[in-house]
Amino acid sequence: MATFRLSPGAEEQIGDIVEFIAADNEAAAIRVRDRLYESFEVLASQPGIGHSREDLTGRPLKFWNVFSYHVVYDPETRPLAILGVLHGARDLKQLLKDL
């Protein structure tokens, strides 16, 4: 099984996402969290399946969408480094400067 690691920022973002959704619907929060972690496993086993976003960053990062969230990761790292989980409605270009 391929492995991944979450950056401290990604861990915090996931916690914030789950907490925000759980305020209205705990079952939905669990589904989102589970889908994110399932996606991390898939990305770790097939890191090339994501897409580049040269409009957002010149860094060699990849992006994978899960619901309204962009999973940002470095496809060259082993274990795969999940750098962020960002909502698509936010200013991604600005947020990526901090990853």
PDB file of N, CA and C in Angstrom:
ATOM      1  N   MET A   1       0.837  -1.180   0.000  1.00  0.00           N
ATOM      2  CA  MET A   1       0.000   0.000   0.000  1.00  0.00           C
ATOM      3  C   MET A   1       0.883   1.246   0.000  1.00  0.00           C
ATOM      4  N   ALA A   2       0.564   2.189  -0.862  1.00  0.00           N
ATOM      5  CA  ALA A   2       1.302   3.442  -0.933  1.00  0.00           C
ATOM      6  C   ALA A   2       0.993   4.283   0.301  1.00  0.00           C
ATOM      7  N   THR A   3       1.957   5.097   0.675  1.00  0.00           N
ATOM      8  CA  THR A   3       1.771   5.909   1.870  1.00  0.00           C
ATOM      9  C   THR A   3       1.778   7.392   1.527  1.00  0.00           C
ATOM     10  N   PHE A   4       1.239   8.170   2.435  1.00  0.00           N
ATOM     11  CA  PHE A   4       1.223   9.619   2.303  1.00  0.00           C
ATOM     12  C   PHE A   4       1.475  10.206   3.679  1.00  0.00           C
ATOM     13  N   ARG A   5       1.818  11.479   3.678  1.00  0.00           N
ATOM     14  CA  ARG A   5       1.942  12.208   4.937  1.00  0.00           C
ATOM     15  C   ARG A   5       1.262  13.557   4.758  1.00  0.00           C
ATOM     16  N   LEU A   6       0.633  14.002   5.806  1.00  0.00           N
ATOM     17  CA  LEU A   6      -0.037  15.293   5.797  1.00  0.00           C
ATOM     18  C   LEU A   6       0.885  16.335   6.411  1.00  0.00           C
ATOM     19  N   SER A   7       0.988  17.475   5.765  1.00  0.00           N
ATOM     20  CA  SER A   7       1.713  18.580   6.380  1.00  0.00           C
ATOM     21  C   SER A   7       0.900  19.056   7.585  1.00  0.00           C
ATOM     22  N   PRO A   8       1.542  19.734   8.529  1.00  0.00           N
ATOM     23  CA  PRO A   8       0.775  20.271   9.658  1.00  0.00           C
ATOM     24  C   PRO A   8      -0.378  21.177   9.191  1.00  0.00           C
ATOM     25  N   GLY A   9      -0.131  21.956   8.151  1.00  0.00           N
ATOM     26  CA  GLY A   9      -1.182  22.825   7.622  1.00  0.00           C
ATOM     27  C   GLY A   9      -2.346  22.038   7.064  1.00  0.00           C
ATOM     28  N   ALA A  10      -2.061  20.951   6.337  1.00  0.00           N
ATOM     29  CA  ALA A  10      -3.126  20.121   5.779  1.00  0.00           C
ATOM     30  C   ALA A  10      -3.933  19.468   6.895  1.00  0.00           C
ATOM     31  N   GLU A  11      -3.268  19.008   7.941  1.00  0.00           N
ATOM     32  CA  GLU A  11      -3.987  18.420   9.083  1.00  0.00           C
ATOM     33  C   GLU A  11      -4.935  19.444   9.695  1.00  0.00           C
ATOM     34  N   GLU A  12      -4.449  20.655   9.863  1.00  0.00           N
ATOM     35  CA  GLU A  12      -5.279  21.721  10.442  1.00  0.00           C
ATOM     36  C   GLU A  12      -6.459  22.053   9.523  1.00  0.00           C
ATOM     37  N   GLN A  13      -6.201  22.116   8.228  1.00  0.00           N
ATOM     38  CA  GLN A  13      -7.266  22.422   7.273  1.00  0.00           C
ATOM     39  C   GLN A  13      -8.354  21.351   7.292  1.00  0.00           C
ATOM     40  N   ILE A  14      -7.960  20.096   7.341  1.00  0.00           N
ATOM     41  CA  ILE A  14      -8.939  19.005   7.398  1.00  0.00           C
ATOM     42  C   ILE A  14      -9.768  19.114   8.676  1.00  0.00           C
ATOM     43  N   GLY A  15      -9.100  19.379   9.790  1.00  0.00           N
ATOM     44  CA  GLY A  15      -9.826  19.559  11.046  1.00  0.00           C
ATOM     45  C   GLY A  15     -10.832  20.697  10.966  1.00  0.00           C
ATOM     46  N   ASP A  16     -10.426  21.811  10.358  1.00  0.00           N
ATOM     47  CA  ASP A  16     -11.328  22.955  10.208  1.00  0.00           C
ATOM     48  C   ASP A  16     -12.512  22.611   9.307  1.00  0.00           C
ATOM     49  N   ILE A  17     -12.247  21.886   8.222  1.00  0.00           N
ATOM     50  CA  ILE A  17     -13.311  21.490   7.290  1.00  0.00           C
ATOM     51  C   ILE A  17     -14.327  20.607   8.005  1.00  0.00           C
ATOM     52  N   VAL A  18     -13.832  19.607   8.696  1.00  0.00           N
ATOM     53  CA  VAL A  18     -14.721  18.668   9.388  1.00  0.00           C
ATOM     54  C   VAL A  18     -15.519  19.402  10.460  1.00  0.00           C
ATOM     55  N   GLU A  19     -14.884  20.256  11.208  1.00  0.00           N
ATOM     56  CA  GLU A  19     -15.571  21.007  12.258  1.00  0.00           C
ATOM     57  C   GLU A  19     -16.660  21.911  11.667  1.00  0.00           C
ATOM     58  N   PHE A  20     -16.346  22.588  10.574  1.00  0.00           N
ATOM     59  CA  PHE A  20     -17.308  23.488   9.936  1.00  0.00           C
ATOM     60  C   PHE A  20     -18.538  22.725   9.445  1.00  0.00           C
ATOM     61  N   ILE A  21     -18.306  21.615   8.756  1.00  0.00           N
ATOM     62  CA  ILE A  21     -19.427  20.836   8.226  1.00  0.00           C
ATOM     63  C   ILE A  21     -20.217  20.188   9.357  1.00  0.00           C
ATOM     64  N   ALA A  22     -19.524  19.691  10.374  1.00  0.00           N
ATOM     65  CA  ALA A  22     -20.187  19.001  11.485  1.00  0.00           C
ATOM     66  C   ALA A  22     -21.124  19.921  12.260  1.00  0.00           C
ATOM     67  N   ALA A  23     -20.883  21.214  12.205  1.00  0.00           N
ATOM     68  CA  ALA A  23     -21.775  22.144  12.901  1.00  0.00           C
ATOM     69  C   ALA A  23     -23.201  22.020  12.373  1.00  0.00           C
ATOM     70  N   ASP A  24     -23.342  21.664  11.096  1.00  0.00           N
ATOM     71  CA  ASP A  24     -24.666  21.484  10.495  1.00  0.00           C
ATOM     72  C   ASP A  24     -25.051  20.024  10.316  1.00  0.00           C
ATOM     73  N   ASN A  25     -24.037  19.166  10.038  1.00  0.00           N
ATOM     74  CA  ASN A  25     -24.367  17.784   9.687  1.00  0.00           C
ATOM     75  C   ASN A  25     -23.153  16.903   9.968  1.00  0.00           C
ATOM     76  N   GLU A  26     -23.180  16.234  11.093  1.00  0.00           N
ATOM     77  CA  GLU A  26     -22.039  15.405  11.496  1.00  0.00           C
ATOM     78  C   GLU A  26     -21.785  14.258  10.526  1.00  0.00           C
ATOM     79  N   ALA A  27     -22.843  13.640  10.027  1.00  0.00           N
ATOM     80  CA  ALA A  27     -22.677  12.525   9.081  1.00  0.00           C
ATOM     81  C   ALA A  27     -22.004  13.006   7.798  1.00  0.00           C
ATOM     82  N   ALA A  28     -22.364  14.179   7.328  1.00  0.00           N
ATOM     83  CA  ALA A  28     -21.737  14.733   6.119  1.00  0.00           C
ATOM     84  C   ALA A  28     -20.268  15.027   6.372  1.00  0.00           C
ATOM     85  N   ALA A  29     -19.953  15.523   7.555  1.00  0.00           N
ATOM     86  CA  ALA A  29     -18.559  15.811   7.894  1.00  0.00           C
ATOM     87  C   ALA A  29     -17.716  14.535   7.851  1.00  0.00           C
ATOM     88  N   ILE A  30     -18.265  13.457   8.360  1.00  0.00           N
ATOM     89  CA  ILE A  30     -17.551  12.173   8.353  1.00  0.00           C
ATOM     90  C   ILE A  30     -17.371  11.687   6.914  1.00  0.00           C
ATOM     91  N   ARG A  31     -18.395  11.839   6.081  1.00  0.00           N
ATOM     92  CA  ARG A  31     -18.280  11.422   4.675  1.00  0.00           C
ATOM     93  C   ARG A  31     -17.195  12.211   3.951  1.00  0.00           C
ATOM     94  N   VAL A  32     -17.146  13.518   4.181  1.00  0.00           N
ATOM     95  CA  VAL A  32     -16.120  14.344   3.532  1.00  0.00           C
ATOM     96  C   VAL A  32     -14.738  13.925   4.004  1.00  0.00           C
ATOM     97  N   ARG A  33     -14.576  13.777   5.311  1.00  0.00           N
ATOM     98  CA  ARG A  33     -13.273  13.352   5.842  1.00  0.00           C
ATOM     99  C   ARG A  33     -12.848  12.011   5.255  1.00  0.00           C
ATOM    100  N   ASP A  34     -13.776  11.051   5.231  1.00  0.00           N
ATOM    101  CA  ASP A  34     -13.448   9.730   4.698  1.00  0.00           C
ATOM    102  C   ASP A  34     -13.073   9.807   3.224  1.00  0.00           C
ATOM    103  N   ARG A  35     -13.806  10.590   2.451  1.00  0.00           N
ATOM    104  CA  ARG A  35     -13.506  10.726   1.020  1.00  0.00           C
ATOM    105  C   ARG A  35     -12.140  11.377   0.814  1.00  0.00           C
ATOM    106  N   LEU A  36     -11.806  12.347   1.637  1.00  0.00           N
ATOM    107  CA  LEU A  36     -10.473  12.964   1.535  1.00  0.00           C
ATOM    108  C   LEU A  36      -9.390  11.916   1.763  1.00  0.00           C
ATOM    109  N   TYR A  37      -9.529  11.136   2.827  1.00  0.00           N
ATOM    110  CA  TYR A  37      -8.496  10.138   3.131  1.00  0.00           C
ATOM    111  C   TYR A  37      -8.444   9.039   2.065  1.00  0.00           C
ATOM    112  N   GLU A  38      -9.571   8.658   1.513  1.00  0.00           N
ATOM    113  CA  GLU A  38      -9.572   7.706   0.394  1.00  0.00           C
ATOM    114  C   GLU A  38      -8.807   8.293  -0.795  1.00  0.00           C
ATOM    115  N   SER A  39      -9.011   9.560  -1.047  1.00  0.00           N
ATOM    116  CA  SER A  39      -8.311  10.224  -2.153  1.00  0.00           C
ATOM    117  C   SER A  39      -6.812  10.281  -1.906  1.00  0.00           C
ATOM    118  N   PHE A  40      -6.409  10.512  -0.669  1.00  0.00           N
ATOM    119  CA  PHE A  40      -4.976  10.540  -0.351  1.00  0.00           C
ATOM    120  C   PHE A  40      -4.337   9.194  -0.681  1.00  0.00           C
ATOM    121  N   GLU A  41      -5.032   8.123  -0.365  1.00  0.00           N
ATOM    122  CA  GLU A  41      -4.516   6.777  -0.665  1.00  0.00           C
ATOM    123  C   GLU A  41      -4.378   6.574  -2.174  1.00  0.00           C
ATOM    124  N   VAL A  42      -5.393   6.981  -2.929  1.00  0.00           N
ATOM    125  CA  VAL A  42      -5.344   6.850  -4.393  1.00  0.00           C
ATOM    126  C   VAL A  42      -4.193   7.677  -4.951  1.00  0.00           C
ATOM    127  N   LEU A  43      -4.059   8.910  -4.493  1.00  0.00           N
ATOM    128  CA  LEU A  43      -2.986   9.775  -4.987  1.00  0.00           C
ATOM    129  C   LEU A  43      -1.610   9.205  -4.651  1.00  0.00           C
ATOM    130  N   ALA A  44      -1.480   8.629  -3.468  1.00  0.00           N
ATOM    131  CA  ALA A  44      -0.193   8.049  -3.085  1.00  0.00           C
ATOM    132  C   ALA A  44       0.180   6.891  -3.995  1.00  0.00           C
ATOM    133  N   SER A  45      -0.810   6.138  -4.458  1.00  0.00           N
ATOM    134  CA  SER A  45      -0.521   5.003  -5.331  1.00  0.00           C
ATOM    135  C   SER A  45      -0.396   5.414  -6.802  1.00  0.00           C
ATOM    136  N   GLN A  46      -0.974   6.571  -7.165  1.00  0.00           N
ATOM    137  CA  GLN A  46      -0.943   7.048  -8.546  1.00  0.00           C
ATOM    138  C   GLN A  46      -0.749   8.563  -8.582  1.00  0.00           C
ATOM    139  N   PRO A  47       0.397   9.067  -8.140  1.00  0.00           N
ATOM    140  CA  PRO A  47       0.567  10.517  -7.997  1.00  0.00           C
ATOM    141  C   PRO A  47       0.478  11.305  -9.302  1.00  0.00           C
ATOM    142  N   GLY A  48       0.562  10.651 -10.432  1.00  0.00           N
ATOM    143  CA  GLY A  48       0.478  11.361 -11.706  1.00  0.00           C
ATOM    144  C   GLY A  48      -0.926  11.707 -12.147  1.00  0.00           C
ATOM    145  N   ILE A  49      -1.961  11.242 -11.408  1.00  0.00           N
ATOM    146  CA  ILE A  49      -3.328  11.449 -11.891  1.00  0.00           C
ATOM    147  C   ILE A  49      -3.857  12.855 -11.637  1.00  0.00           C
ATOM    148  N   GLY A  50      -3.204  13.617 -10.802  1.00  0.00           N
ATOM    149  CA  GLY A  50      -3.655  14.979 -10.547  1.00  0.00           C
ATOM    150  C   GLY A  50      -3.364  15.893 -11.726  1.00  0.00           C
ATOM    151  N   HIS A  51      -3.697  17.145 -11.563  1.00  0.00           N
ATOM    152  CA  HIS A  51      -3.440  18.099 -12.631  1.00  0.00           C
ATOM    153  C   HIS A  51      -2.607  19.263 -12.102  1.00  0.00           C
ATOM    154  N   SER A  52      -1.845  19.864 -13.000  1.00  0.00           N
ATOM    155  CA  SER A  52      -1.036  21.031 -12.663  1.00  0.00           C
ATOM    156  C   SER A  52      -1.896  22.270 -12.766  1.00  0.00           C
ATOM    157  N   ARG A  53      -1.512  23.309 -12.035  1.00  0.00           N
ATOM    158  CA  ARG A  53      -2.230  24.585 -12.092  1.00  0.00           C
ATOM    159  C   ARG A  53      -1.199  25.701 -12.218  1.00  0.00           C
ATOM    160  N   GLU A  54      -0.648  25.827 -13.418  1.00  0.00           N
ATOM    161  CA  GLU A  54       0.360  26.854 -13.638  1.00  0.00           C
ATOM    162  C   GLU A  54      -0.204  28.255 -13.493  1.00  0.00           C
ATOM    163  N   ASP A  55      -1.532  28.384 -13.566  1.00  0.00           N
ATOM    164  CA  ASP A  55      -2.168  29.678 -13.337  1.00  0.00           C
ATOM    165  C   ASP A  55      -2.123  30.079 -11.861  1.00  0.00           C
ATOM    166  N   LEU A  56      -1.865  29.113 -10.977  1.00  0.00           N
ATOM    167  CA  LEU A  56      -1.846  29.376  -9.544  1.00  0.00           C
ATOM    168  C   LEU A  56      -0.454  29.347  -8.931  1.00  0.00           C
ATOM    169  N   THR A  57       0.421  28.511  -9.480  1.00  0.00           N
ATOM    170  CA  THR A  57       1.760  28.372  -8.900  1.00  0.00           C
ATOM    171  C   THR A  57       2.738  27.865  -9.957  1.00  0.00           C
ATOM    172  N   GLY A  58       3.975  28.311  -9.846  1.00  0.00           N
ATOM    173  CA  GLY A  58       5.039  27.816 -10.710  1.00  0.00           C
ATOM    174  C   GLY A  58       5.724  26.596 -10.123  1.00  0.00           C
ATOM    175  N   ARG A  59       5.342  26.226  -8.918  1.00  0.00           N
ATOM    176  CA  ARG A  59       5.925  25.056  -8.268  1.00  0.00           C
ATOM    177  C   ARG A  59       5.373  23.787  -8.910  1.00  0.00           C
ATOM    178  N   PRO A  60       6.116  22.693  -8.866  1.00  0.00           N
ATOM    179  CA  PRO A  60       5.676  21.449  -9.509  1.00  0.00           C
ATOM    180  C   PRO A  60       4.672  20.666  -8.652  1.00  0.00           C
ATOM    181  N   LEU A  61       3.598  21.327  -8.268  1.00  0.00           N
ATOM    182  CA  LEU A  61       2.578  20.704  -7.433  1.00  0.00           C
ATOM    183  C   LEU A  61       1.462  20.163  -8.305  1.00  0.00           C
ATOM    184  N   LYS A  62       0.701  19.245  -7.744  1.00  0.00           N
ATOM    185  CA  LYS A  62      -0.472  18.699  -8.427  1.00  0.00           C
ATOM    186  C   LYS A  62      -1.699  18.968  -7.568  1.00  0.00           C
ATOM    187  N   PHE A  63      -2.849  18.934  -8.238  1.00  0.00           N
ATOM    188  CA  PHE A  63      -4.120  19.217  -7.587  1.00  0.00           C
ATOM    189  C   PHE A  63      -5.100  18.092  -7.904  1.00  0.00           C
ATOM    190  N   TRP A  64      -5.941  17.779  -6.931  1.00  0.00           N
ATOM    191  CA  TRP A  64      -6.971  16.762  -7.098  1.00  0.00           C
ATOM    192  C   TRP A  64      -8.220  17.262  -6.382  1.00  0.00           C
ATOM    193  N   ASN A  65      -9.333  17.236  -7.058  1.00  0.00           N
ATOM    194  CA  ASN A  65     -10.566  17.749  -6.472  1.00  0.00           C
ATOM    195  C   ASN A  65     -11.346  16.664  -5.743  1.00  0.00           C
ATOM    196  N   VAL A  66     -11.808  17.028  -4.557  1.00  0.00           N
ATOM    197  CA  VAL A  66     -12.689  16.186  -3.750  1.00  0.00           C
ATOM    198  C   VAL A  66     -13.811  17.103  -3.269  1.00  0.00           C
ATOM    199  N   PHE A  67     -15.003  16.873  -3.791  1.00  0.00           N
ATOM    200  CA  PHE A  67     -16.126  17.767  -3.532  1.00  0.00           C
ATOM    201  C   PHE A  67     -15.693  19.184  -3.925  1.00  0.00           C
ATOM    202  N   SER A  68     -15.808  20.145  -3.016  1.00  0.00           N
ATOM    203  CA  SER A  68     -15.448  21.538  -3.316  1.00  0.00           C
ATOM    204  C   SER A  68     -14.009  21.861  -2.921  1.00  0.00           C
ATOM    205  N   TYR A  69     -13.232  20.859  -2.604  1.00  0.00           N
ATOM    206  CA  TYR A  69     -11.891  21.072  -2.068  1.00  0.00           C
ATOM    207  C   TYR A  69     -10.821  20.658  -3.066  1.00  0.00           C
ATOM    208  N   HIS A  70      -9.717  21.390  -3.036  1.00  0.00           N
ATOM    209  CA  HIS A  70      -8.543  21.063  -3.847  1.00  0.00           C
ATOM    210  C   HIS A  70      -7.493  20.455  -2.924  1.00  0.00           C
ATOM    211  N   VAL A  71      -7.147  19.212  -3.184  1.00  0.00           N
ATOM    212  CA  VAL A  71      -6.041  18.577  -2.473  1.00  0.00           C
ATOM    213  C   VAL A  71      -4.782  18.968  -3.237  1.00  0.00           C
ATOM    214  N   VAL A  72      -3.846  19.597  -2.542  1.00  0.00           N
ATOM    215  CA  VAL A  72      -2.599  20.066  -3.140  1.00  0.00           C
ATOM    216  C   VAL A  72      -1.489  19.154  -2.643  1.00  0.00           C
ATOM    217  N   TYR A  73      -0.714  18.596  -3.578  1.00  0.00           N
ATOM    218  CA  TYR A  73       0.323  17.652  -3.169  1.00  0.00           C
ATOM    219  C   TYR A  73       1.542  17.746  -4.074  1.00  0.00           C
ATOM    220  N   ASP A  74       2.646  17.213  -3.562  1.00  0.00           N
ATOM    221  CA  ASP A  74       3.904  17.172  -4.307  1.00  0.00           C
ATOM    222  C   ASP A  74       4.083  15.754  -4.835  1.00  0.00           C
ATOM    223  N   PRO A  75       3.918  15.546  -6.154  1.00  0.00           N
ATOM    224  CA  PRO A  75       3.947  14.191  -6.701  1.00  0.00           C
ATOM    225  C   PRO A  75       5.317  13.526  -6.670  1.00  0.00           C
ATOM    226  N   GLU A  76       6.359  14.290  -6.392  1.00  0.00           N
ATOM    227  CA  GLU A  76       7.713  13.734  -6.393  1.00  0.00           C
ATOM    228  C   GLU A  76       8.151  13.191  -5.044  1.00  0.00           C
ATOM    229  N   THR A  77       7.358  13.399  -4.009  1.00  0.00           N
ATOM    230  CA  THR A  77       7.778  13.001  -2.662  1.00  0.00           C
ATOM    231  C   THR A  77       7.319  11.589  -2.336  1.00  0.00           C
ATOM    232  N   ARG A  78       8.108  10.910  -1.519  1.00  0.00           N
ATOM    233  CA  ARG A  78       7.760   9.588  -1.003  1.00  0.00           C
ATOM    234  C   ARG A  78       8.100   9.589   0.481  1.00  0.00           C
ATOM    235  N   PRO A  79       7.186   9.363   1.358  1.00  0.00           N
ATOM    236  CA  PRO A  79       5.775   9.209   1.056  1.00  0.00           C
ATOM    237  C   PRO A  79       5.209  10.493   0.460  1.00  0.00           C
ATOM    238  N   LEU A  80       4.098  10.357  -0.227  1.00  0.00           N
ATOM    239  CA  LEU A  80       3.486  11.494  -0.899  1.00  0.00           C
ATOM    240  C   LEU A  80       3.139  12.566   0.123  1.00  0.00           C
ATOM    241  N   ALA A  81       3.556  13.796  -0.146  1.00  0.00           N
ATOM    242  CA  ALA A  81       3.289  14.914   0.763  1.00  0.00           C
ATOM    243  C   ALA A  81       2.009  15.633   0.356  1.00  0.00           C
ATOM    244  N   ILE A  82       1.002  15.550   1.211  1.00  0.00           N
ATOM    245  CA  ILE A  82      -0.234  16.303   1.035  1.00  0.00           C
ATOM    246  C   ILE A  82       0.016  17.647   1.715  1.00  0.00           C
ATOM    247  N   LEU A  83       0.069  18.703   0.922  1.00  0.00           N
ATOM    248  CA  LEU A  83       0.462  20.010   1.437  1.00  0.00           C
ATOM    249  C   LEU A  83      -0.721  20.856   1.889  1.00  0.00           C
ATOM    250  N   GLY A  84      -1.877  20.644   1.278  1.00  0.00           N
ATOM    251  CA  GLY A  84      -3.023  21.448   1.654  1.00  0.00           C
ATOM    252  C   GLY A  84      -4.322  20.855   1.149  1.00  0.00           C
ATOM    253  N   VAL A  85      -5.402  21.239   1.812  1.00  0.00           N
ATOM    254  CA  VAL A  85      -6.759  20.891   1.388  1.00  0.00           C
ATOM    255  C   VAL A  85      -7.537  22.203   1.455  1.00  0.00           C
ATOM    256  N   LEU A  86      -7.755  22.800   0.280  1.00  0.00           N
ATOM    257  CA  LEU A  86      -8.261  24.168   0.201  1.00  0.00           C
ATOM    258  C   LEU A  86      -9.608  24.218  -0.499  1.00  0.00           C
ATOM    259  N   HIS A  87     -10.525  24.991   0.043  1.00  0.00           N
ATOM    260  CA  HIS A  87     -11.835  25.145  -0.576  1.00  0.00           C
ATOM    261  C   HIS A  87     -11.685  25.956  -1.861  1.00  0.00           C
ATOM    262  N   GLY A  88     -12.367  25.515  -2.906  1.00  0.00           N
ATOM    263  CA  GLY A  88     -12.263  26.138  -4.214  1.00  0.00           C
ATOM    264  C   GLY A  88     -12.746  27.575  -4.287  1.00  0.00           C
ATOM    265  N   ALA A  89     -13.563  28.014  -3.323  1.00  0.00           N
ATOM    266  CA  ALA A  89     -14.075  29.381  -3.336  1.00  0.00           C
ATOM    267  C   ALA A  89     -13.094  30.376  -2.723  1.00  0.00           C
ATOM    268  N   ARG A  90     -12.025  29.876  -2.159  1.00  0.00           N
ATOM    269  CA  ARG A  90     -11.037  30.756  -1.522  1.00  0.00           C
ATOM    270  C   ARG A  90     -10.016  31.227  -2.548  1.00  0.00           C
ATOM    271  N   ASP A  91      -9.184  32.172  -2.153  1.00  0.00           N
ATOM    272  CA  ASP A  91      -8.138  32.719  -3.022  1.00  0.00           C
ATOM    273  C   ASP A  91      -6.966  31.737  -3.029  1.00  0.00           C
ATOM    274  N   LEU A  92      -7.034  30.771  -3.934  1.00  0.00           N
ATOM    275  CA  LEU A  92      -6.038  29.691  -3.962  1.00  0.00           C
ATOM    276  C   LEU A  92      -4.634  30.212  -4.212  1.00  0.00           C
ATOM    277  N   LYS A  93      -4.507  31.160  -5.111  1.00  0.00           N
ATOM    278  CA  LYS A  93      -3.177  31.694  -5.431  1.00  0.00           C
ATOM    279  C   LYS A  93      -2.518  32.263  -4.178  1.00  0.00           C
ATOM    280  N   GLN A  94      -3.270  33.000  -3.402  1.00  0.00           N
ATOM    281  CA  GLN A  94      -2.736  33.576  -2.165  1.00  0.00           C
ATOM    282  C   GLN A  94      -2.426  32.481  -1.144  1.00  0.00           C
ATOM    283  N   LEU A  95      -3.330  31.525  -0.981  1.00  0.00           N
ATOM    284  CA  LEU A  95      -3.131  30.462  -0.004  1.00  0.00           C
ATOM    285  C   LEU A  95      -1.932  29.586  -0.341  1.00  0.00           C
ATOM    286  N   LEU A  96      -1.677  29.393  -1.611  1.00  0.00           N
ATOM    287  CA  LEU A  96      -0.546  28.549  -2.027  1.00  0.00           C
ATOM    288  C   LEU A  96       0.801  29.167  -1.650  1.00  0.00           C
ATOM    289  N   LYS A  97       0.838  30.459  -1.473  1.00  0.00           N
ATOM    290  CA  LYS A  97       2.092  31.112  -1.071  1.00  0.00           C
ATOM    291  C   LYS A  97       2.541  30.652   0.299  1.00  0.00           C
ATOM    292  N   ASP A  98       1.581  30.203   1.110  1.00  0.00           N
ATOM    293  CA  ASP A  98       1.895  29.774   2.477  1.00  0.00           C
ATOM    294  C   ASP A  98       2.151  28.286   2.605  1.00  0.00           C
ATOM    295  N   LEU A  99       1.999  27.528   1.527  1.00  0.00           N
ATOM    296  CA  LEU A  99       2.217  26.070   1.615  1.00  0.00           C
ATOM    297  C   LEU A  99       3.672  25.737   1.447  1.00  0.00           C
TER     298      LEU A  99
END
